[in-house]
């Protein structure tokens, strides 16, 4: 690491500890030339996630869009916003764990439905009705019957 005081290209790490709840690592360093100390922060680089839509278009993954979709499904339901944020974080982490940089909107939708089913069944059915584009009452009833059979 280049010294900010003298520009010498080498330093040694004196102390290293997690910062910002483990999101970064704080390092105290000492220049091997002038012996002055300075602090650096190491953060993990996140490559952008891209969502491939049904029409083939691509857009960057937006966690707020995900939360807003779940909020609409959970409207007037006893689901706290903190739970939706936790679920959105879990979904994003699951997608990142695949190590793929592109994910289809269908994959994201299926993850949301799986999480909502465990969180609130009414919200799940609401989300599924929009996501799966229920065309009539029969497809709606099929989904409800499938949900009841799983219980």
Protein backbone atom coordinates (compact mmCIF):
# COMPACT_ATOMS: atom_id res chain seq x y z
CA UNK A 1 0.00 0.00 0.00
CA UNK A 2 1.46 3.34 -1.04
CA UNK A 3 2.24 5.71 1.87
CA UNK A 4 0.10 8.88 1.75
CA UNK A 5 2.94 10.89 3.36
CA UNK A 6 6.10 9.99 1.42
CA UNK A 7 4.72 7.88 -1.45
CA UNK A 8 6.83 4.82 -0.61
CA UNK A 9 5.10 1.78 -2.17
CA UNK A 10 5.42 -0.62 0.77
CA UNK A 11 3.94 -0.71 4.27
CA UNK A 12 3.27 -3.28 6.94
CA UNK A 13 -0.02 -4.03 8.64
CA UNK A 14 0.09 -3.32 12.38
CA UNK A 15 -3.53 -3.99 13.28
CA UNK A 16 -6.51 -5.41 11.41
CA UNK A 17 -10.12 -5.55 12.59
CA UNK A 18 -13.65 -5.71 11.18
CA UNK A 19 -15.54 -2.44 10.74
CA UNK A 20 -19.09 -1.47 9.82
CA UNK A 21 -20.57 -4.72 11.17
CA UNK A 22 -18.12 -6.87 9.22
CA UNK A 23 -18.77 -5.20 5.87
CA UNK A 24 -15.24 -3.77 5.76
CA UNK A 25 -11.85 -4.42 7.32
CA UNK A 26 -9.97 -1.56 8.97
CA UNK A 27 -6.18 -1.84 8.78
CA UNK A 28 -3.57 0.27 10.59
CA UNK A 29 -0.41 0.41 8.54
CA UNK A 30 3.11 1.72 9.02
CA UNK A 31 5.26 2.97 6.15
CA UNK A 32 8.51 1.02 5.81
CA UNK A 33 10.33 4.21 4.77
CA UNK A 34 9.14 7.12 6.95
CA UNK A 35 7.54 5.02 9.76
CA UNK A 36 4.38 7.15 9.75
CA UNK A 37 1.09 5.36 10.40
CA UNK A 38 -2.10 5.52 8.38
CA UNK A 39 -5.43 3.69 8.15
CA UNK A 40 -6.89 1.86 5.16
CA UNK A 41 -10.25 0.18 4.67
CA UNK A 42 -10.79 -2.95 2.64
CA UNK A 43 -14.25 -3.59 1.17
CA UNK A 44 -15.59 -6.45 -0.89
CA UNK A 45 -16.23 -5.57 -4.51
CA UNK A 46 -19.74 -6.42 -5.66
CA UNK A 47 -20.17 -6.92 -9.35
CA UNK A 48 -23.57 -5.68 -10.49
CA UNK A 49 -26.35 -8.23 -10.78
CA UNK A 50 -28.34 -8.06 -14.00
CA UNK A 51 -31.95 -9.20 -14.28
CA UNK A 52 -33.02 -10.53 -17.67
CA UNK A 53 -36.68 -9.66 -18.20
CA UNK A 54 -39.22 -11.79 -20.07
CA UNK A 55 -38.86 -9.61 -23.18
CA UNK A 56 -35.07 -10.15 -23.18
CA UNK A 57 -34.19 -6.68 -21.90
CA UNK A 58 -31.69 -6.36 -19.07
CA UNK A 59 -31.61 -4.10 -16.05
CA UNK A 60 -29.55 -3.99 -12.89
CA UNK A 61 -30.94 -5.76 -9.84
CA UNK A 62 -32.79 -3.28 -7.64
CA UNK A 63 -33.51 -4.42 -4.10
CA UNK A 64 -35.91 -1.51 -3.56
CA UNK A 65 -37.99 -2.66 -6.52
CA UNK A 66 -38.12 -6.10 -4.91
CA UNK A 67 -39.20 -4.64 -1.55
CA UNK A 68 -41.85 -2.45 -3.22
CA UNK A 69 -43.32 -5.48 -4.99
CA UNK A 70 -43.52 -7.38 -1.71
CA UNK A 71 -44.98 -4.30 0.03
CA UNK A 72 -47.84 -4.24 -2.48
CA UNK A 73 -48.50 -7.92 -1.85
CA UNK A 74 -48.39 -7.37 1.93
CA UNK A 75 -50.65 -4.32 1.93
CA UNK A 76 -52.92 -4.33 5.01
CA UNK A 77 -51.22 -7.50 6.25
CA UNK A 78 -49.38 -7.85 9.59
CA UNK A 79 -45.95 -8.11 7.98
CA UNK A 80 -43.34 -5.67 9.32
CA UNK A 81 -41.14 -3.77 6.87
CA UNK A 82 -38.08 -5.14 8.67
CA UNK A 83 -39.15 -8.67 7.65
CA UNK A 84 -39.49 -7.63 4.02
CA UNK A 85 -36.04 -6.06 4.13
CA UNK A 86 -34.64 -9.24 5.67
CA UNK A 87 -36.31 -11.34 2.95
CA UNK A 88 -34.96 -9.02 0.22
CA UNK A 89 -31.47 -9.34 1.70
CA UNK A 90 -31.82 -13.15 1.74
CA UNK A 91 -32.99 -13.19 -1.88
CA UNK A 92 -30.12 -10.97 -2.99
CA UNK A 93 -27.63 -13.16 -1.12
CA UNK A 94 -29.06 -16.35 -2.65
CA UNK A 95 -28.70 -14.84 -6.12
CA UNK A 96 -25.13 -13.69 -5.41
CA UNK A 97 -24.26 -17.14 -4.03
CA UNK A 98 -25.01 -18.68 -7.43
CA UNK A 99 -21.99 -16.71 -8.71
CA UNK A 100 -23.96 -15.87 -11.85
CA UNK A 101 -23.95 -12.21 -12.89
CA UNK A 102 -27.26 -12.55 -14.75
CA UNK A 103 -30.49 -13.95 -13.36
CA UNK A 104 -33.89 -14.19 -15.02
CA UNK A 105 -36.89 -12.33 -13.67
CA UNK A 106 -38.58 -15.75 -13.37
CA UNK A 107 -35.88 -16.93 -10.97
CA UNK A 108 -36.29 -13.79 -8.86
CA UNK A 109 -40.09 -14.17 -8.86
CA UNK A 110 -39.88 -17.80 -7.76
CA UNK A 111 -37.55 -16.86 -4.89
CA UNK A 112 -39.96 -14.12 -3.79
CA UNK A 113 -42.92 -16.49 -3.88
CA UNK A 114 -41.05 -19.15 -1.87
CA UNK A 115 -40.15 -16.58 0.80
CA UNK A 116 -43.63 -15.00 0.90
CA UNK A 117 -45.27 -18.41 1.26
CA UNK A 118 -43.42 -18.87 4.56
CA UNK A 119 -44.03 -15.28 5.64
CA UNK A 120 -47.70 -14.66 4.84
CA UNK A 121 -49.94 -16.90 2.72
CA UNK A 122 -52.28 -14.08 1.68
CA UNK A 123 -49.33 -12.00 0.49
CA UNK A 124 -48.05 -15.07 -1.34
CA UNK A 125 -51.35 -15.52 -3.21
CA UNK A 126 -51.49 -11.82 -4.05
CA UNK A 127 -47.96 -11.85 -5.41
CA UNK A 128 -48.54 -15.11 -7.29
CA UNK A 129 -51.71 -13.74 -8.90
CA UNK A 130 -49.74 -10.87 -10.43
CA UNK A 131 -46.53 -12.78 -11.10
CA UNK A 132 -48.21 -15.80 -12.70
CA UNK A 133 -50.79 -13.59 -14.37
CA UNK A 134 -53.88 -15.48 -13.28
CA UNK A 135 -56.33 -15.05 -16.13
CA UNK A 136 -59.49 -16.25 -14.42
CA UNK A 137 -60.90 -17.57 -11.17
CA UNK A 138 -60.02 -21.18 -12.07
CA UNK A 139 -56.26 -20.56 -12.16
CA UNK A 140 -56.62 -18.63 -8.91
CA UNK A 141 -58.48 -21.56 -7.31
CA UNK A 142 -55.85 -24.02 -8.59
CA UNK A 143 -53.14 -22.06 -6.78
CA UNK A 144 -55.24 -21.89 -3.59
CA UNK A 145 -55.90 -25.65 -3.75
CA UNK A 146 -52.19 -26.33 -4.26
CA UNK A 147 -51.45 -24.18 -1.20
CA UNK A 148 -54.06 -26.04 0.88
CA UNK A 149 -52.70 -29.44 -0.20
CA UNK A 150 -49.21 -28.46 0.94
CA UNK A 151 -50.57 -27.84 4.42
